[in-house]
Amino acid sequence: RSDKLEEADKFLLKMAGCVKLYAAVIQSPPTFPDQPHPHGLGSGWLWLSRILNLEPVPDVTATVLEAFLQVAGSALHLKYKAQFLKLMEFLYSTYLPKLEAV
């Protein structure tokens, strides 16, 4: 094992992959139809809103947001409709300038 840090591009690629997997899981059908999904779209909505309430981390925040919205954005829009659009407006008008500043 090396004490060397992982290269930034490899780290970001790994983070994007993990977030895409999570985004796919939250919109998959529950394993047992008679039980609620343990990590359904509500969990994804909560994750997204919490990320947008944090100060952005250079490179990481933009990477995970893009990965998450690529995979789960459509499903979140179908479920949350106008609320999702308001969140996207906040992302565009308020959060993106913060991202660009870091």
C-alpha atoms as a PDB file:
ATOM      1  CA  ARG A   1       0.000   0.000   0.000  1.00  0.00           C
ATOM      2  CA  SER A   2       1.303   3.399  -0.954  1.00  0.00           C
ATOM      3  CA  ASP A   3       1.143   6.667   0.974  1.00  0.00           C
ATOM      4  CA  LYS A   4       0.648   8.432  -2.345  1.00  0.00           C
ATOM      5  CA  LEU A   5      -2.670  10.244  -2.861  1.00  0.00           C
ATOM      6  CA  GLU A   6      -4.992   9.086  -5.594  1.00  0.00           C
ATOM      7  CA  GLU A   7      -4.898  11.217  -8.744  1.00  0.00           C
ATOM      8  CA  ALA A   8      -7.723  13.768  -8.855  1.00  0.00           C
ATOM      9  CA  ASP A   9      -9.203  12.591 -12.163  1.00  0.00           C
ATOM     10  CA  LYS A  10      -9.338   8.974 -10.972  1.00  0.00           C
ATOM     11  CA  PHE A  11     -10.935  10.042  -7.697  1.00  0.00           C
ATOM     12  CA  LEU A  12     -13.582  12.129  -9.476  1.00  0.00           C
ATOM     13  CA  LEU A  13     -14.334   9.290 -11.884  1.00  0.00           C
ATOM     14  CA  LYS A  14     -14.781   6.921  -8.952  1.00  0.00           C
ATOM     15  CA  MET A  15     -17.044   9.392  -7.130  1.00  0.00           C
ATOM     16  CA  ALA A  16     -19.158   9.883 -10.259  1.00  0.00           C
ATOM     17  CA  GLY A  17     -19.530   6.122 -10.620  1.00  0.00           C
ATOM     18  CA  CYS A  18     -20.665   5.713  -7.009  1.00  0.00           C
ATOM     19  CA  VAL A  19     -23.200   8.530  -7.343  1.00  0.00           C
ATOM     20  CA  LYS A  20     -24.537   7.134 -10.634  1.00  0.00           C
ATOM     21  CA  LEU A  21     -25.007   3.757  -8.953  1.00  0.00           C
ATOM     22  CA  TYR A  22     -26.908   5.378  -6.079  1.00  0.00           C
ATOM     23  CA  ALA A  23     -29.021   7.373  -8.545  1.00  0.00           C
ATOM     24  CA  ALA A  24     -29.921   4.141 -10.334  1.00  0.00           C
ATOM     25  CA  VAL A  25     -30.765   2.363  -7.066  1.00  0.00           C
ATOM     26  CA  ILE A  26     -33.168   5.047  -5.861  1.00  0.00           C
ATOM     27  CA  GLN A  27     -35.324   4.678  -8.965  1.00  0.00           C
ATOM     28  CA  SER A  28     -35.256   0.902  -9.189  1.00  0.00           C
ATOM     29  CA  PRO A  29     -38.367  -1.013  -8.180  1.00  0.00           C
ATOM     30  CA  PRO A  30     -38.383  -2.330  -4.600  1.00  0.00           C
ATOM     31  CA  THR A  31     -37.149  -5.886  -4.118  1.00  0.00           C
ATOM     32  CA  PHE A  32     -40.298  -6.814  -2.223  1.00  0.00           C
ATOM     33  CA  PRO A  33     -43.385  -5.173  -3.760  1.00  0.00           C
ATOM     34  CA  ASP A  34     -45.283  -5.280  -0.456  1.00  0.00           C
ATOM     35  CA  GLN A  35     -42.583  -3.231   1.331  1.00  0.00           C
ATOM     36  CA  PRO A  36     -41.448   0.349   0.711  1.00  0.00           C
ATOM     37  CA  HIS A  37     -38.182   0.960  -1.084  1.00  0.00           C
ATOM     38  CA  PRO A  38     -35.461   1.551   1.549  1.00  0.00           C
ATOM     39  CA  HIS A  39     -33.753   4.112  -0.713  1.00  0.00           C
ATOM     40  CA  GLY A  40     -36.438   5.383  -3.070  1.00  0.00           C
ATOM     41  CA  LEU A  41     -36.744   8.685  -4.887  1.00  0.00           C
ATOM     42  CA  GLY A  42     -37.452  10.430  -1.594  1.00  0.00           C
ATOM     43  CA  SER A  43     -33.952   9.532  -0.429  1.00  0.00           C
ATOM     44  CA  GLY A  44     -32.529  10.909  -3.667  1.00  0.00           C
ATOM     45  CA  TRP A  45     -34.485  14.134  -3.226  1.00  0.00           C
ATOM     46  CA  LEU A  46     -33.141  14.436   0.307  1.00  0.00           C
ATOM     47  CA  TRP A  47     -29.560  13.798  -0.875  1.00  0.00           C
ATOM     48  CA  LEU A  48     -29.860  16.414  -3.620  1.00  0.00           C
ATOM     49  CA  SER A  49     -31.335  19.055  -1.319  1.00  0.00           C
ATOM     50  CA  ARG A  50     -28.649  18.423   1.288  1.00  0.00           C
ATOM     51  CA  ILE A  51     -25.861  18.714  -1.287  1.00  0.00           C
ATOM     52  CA  LEU A  52     -27.297  22.035  -2.434  1.00  0.00           C
ATOM     53  CA  ASN A  53     -27.298  23.281   1.168  1.00  0.00           C
ATOM     54  CA  LEU A  54     -23.543  22.688   1.515  1.00  0.00           C
ATOM     55  CA  GLU A  55     -20.775  24.953   0.385  1.00  0.00           C
ATOM     56  CA  PRO A  56     -19.354  23.562  -2.883  1.00  0.00           C
ATOM     57  CA  VAL A  57     -16.099  21.629  -2.834  1.00  0.00           C
ATOM     58  CA  PRO A  58     -13.877  22.341  -5.853  1.00  0.00           C
ATOM     59  CA  ASP A  59     -14.409  19.747  -8.619  1.00  0.00           C
ATOM     60  CA  VAL A  60     -16.185  17.222  -6.376  1.00  0.00           C
ATOM     61  CA  THR A  61     -19.539  18.971  -6.006  1.00  0.00           C
ATOM     62  CA  ALA A  62     -19.932  19.688  -9.709  1.00  0.00           C
ATOM     63  CA  THR A  63     -18.940  16.119 -10.578  1.00  0.00           C
ATOM     64  CA  VAL A  64     -21.397  14.432  -8.217  1.00  0.00           C
ATOM     65  CA  LEU A  65     -24.258  16.790  -9.084  1.00  0.00           C
ATOM     66  CA  GLU A  66     -23.825  16.182 -12.796  1.00  0.00           C
ATOM     67  CA  ALA A  67     -23.598  12.408 -12.321  1.00  0.00           C
ATOM     68  CA  PHE A  68     -26.670  12.309 -10.089  1.00  0.00           C
ATOM     69  CA  LEU A  69     -28.827  14.471 -12.339  1.00  0.00           C
ATOM     70  CA  GLN A  70     -27.794  12.574 -15.479  1.00  0.00           C
ATOM     71  CA  VAL A  71     -29.151   9.342 -14.025  1.00  0.00           C
ATOM     72  CA  ALA A  72     -31.960  10.398 -11.668  1.00  0.00           C
ATOM     73  CA  GLY A  73     -32.976  13.845 -12.914  1.00  0.00           C
ATOM     74  CA  SER A  74     -35.755  12.611 -15.166  1.00  0.00           C
ATOM     75  CA  ALA A  75     -37.302  10.371 -12.496  1.00  0.00           C
ATOM     76  CA  LEU A  76     -37.112  13.167  -9.923  1.00  0.00           C
ATOM     77  CA  HIS A  77     -38.776  15.553 -12.378  1.00  0.00           C
ATOM     78  CA  LEU A  78     -41.596  13.082 -13.037  1.00  0.00           C
ATOM     79  CA  LYS A  79     -42.248  12.648  -9.323  1.00  0.00           C
ATOM     80  CA  TYR A  80     -41.674  16.154  -7.955  1.00  0.00           C
ATOM     81  CA  LYS A  81     -42.703  18.204 -11.018  1.00  0.00           C
ATOM     82  CA  ALA A  82     -42.785  21.935 -10.122  1.00  0.00           C
ATOM     83  CA  GLN A  83     -40.698  21.438  -6.978  1.00  0.00           C
ATOM     84  CA  PHE A  84     -37.944  19.842  -9.045  1.00  0.00           C
ATOM     85  CA  LEU A  85     -38.043  22.751 -11.478  1.00  0.00           C
ATOM     86  CA  LYS A  86     -37.741  25.203  -8.571  1.00  0.00           C
ATOM     87  CA  LEU A  87     -34.741  23.279  -7.298  1.00  0.00           C
ATOM     88  CA  MET A  88     -33.161  23.381 -10.764  1.00  0.00           C
ATOM     89  CA  GLU A  89     -33.798  27.130 -10.915  1.00  0.00           C
ATOM     90  CA  PHE A  90     -32.038  27.499  -7.557  1.00  0.00           C
ATOM     91  CA  LEU A  91     -29.170  25.373  -8.855  1.00  0.00           C
ATOM     92  CA  TYR A  92     -28.851  27.513 -11.959  1.00  0.00           C
ATOM     93  CA  SER A  93     -29.330  30.951 -10.445  1.00  0.00           C
ATOM     94  CA  THR A  94     -27.768  30.608  -7.001  1.00  0.00           C
ATOM     95  CA  TYR A  95     -25.645  27.474  -6.707  1.00  0.00           C
ATOM     96  CA  LEU A  96     -23.835  27.530 -10.065  1.00  0.00           C
ATOM     97  CA  PRO A  97     -22.296  30.939  -9.357  1.00  0.00           C
ATOM     98  CA  LYS A  98     -20.994  29.506  -6.063  1.00  0.00           C
ATOM     99  CA  LEU A  99     -19.558  26.523  -7.944  1.00  0.00           C
ATOM    100  CA  GLU A 100     -17.870  28.762 -10.469  1.00  0.00           C
ATOM    101  CA  ALA A 101     -16.341  30.840  -7.663  1.00  0.00           C
ATOM    102  CA  VAL A 102     -14.484  27.894  -6.097  1.00  0.00           C
END
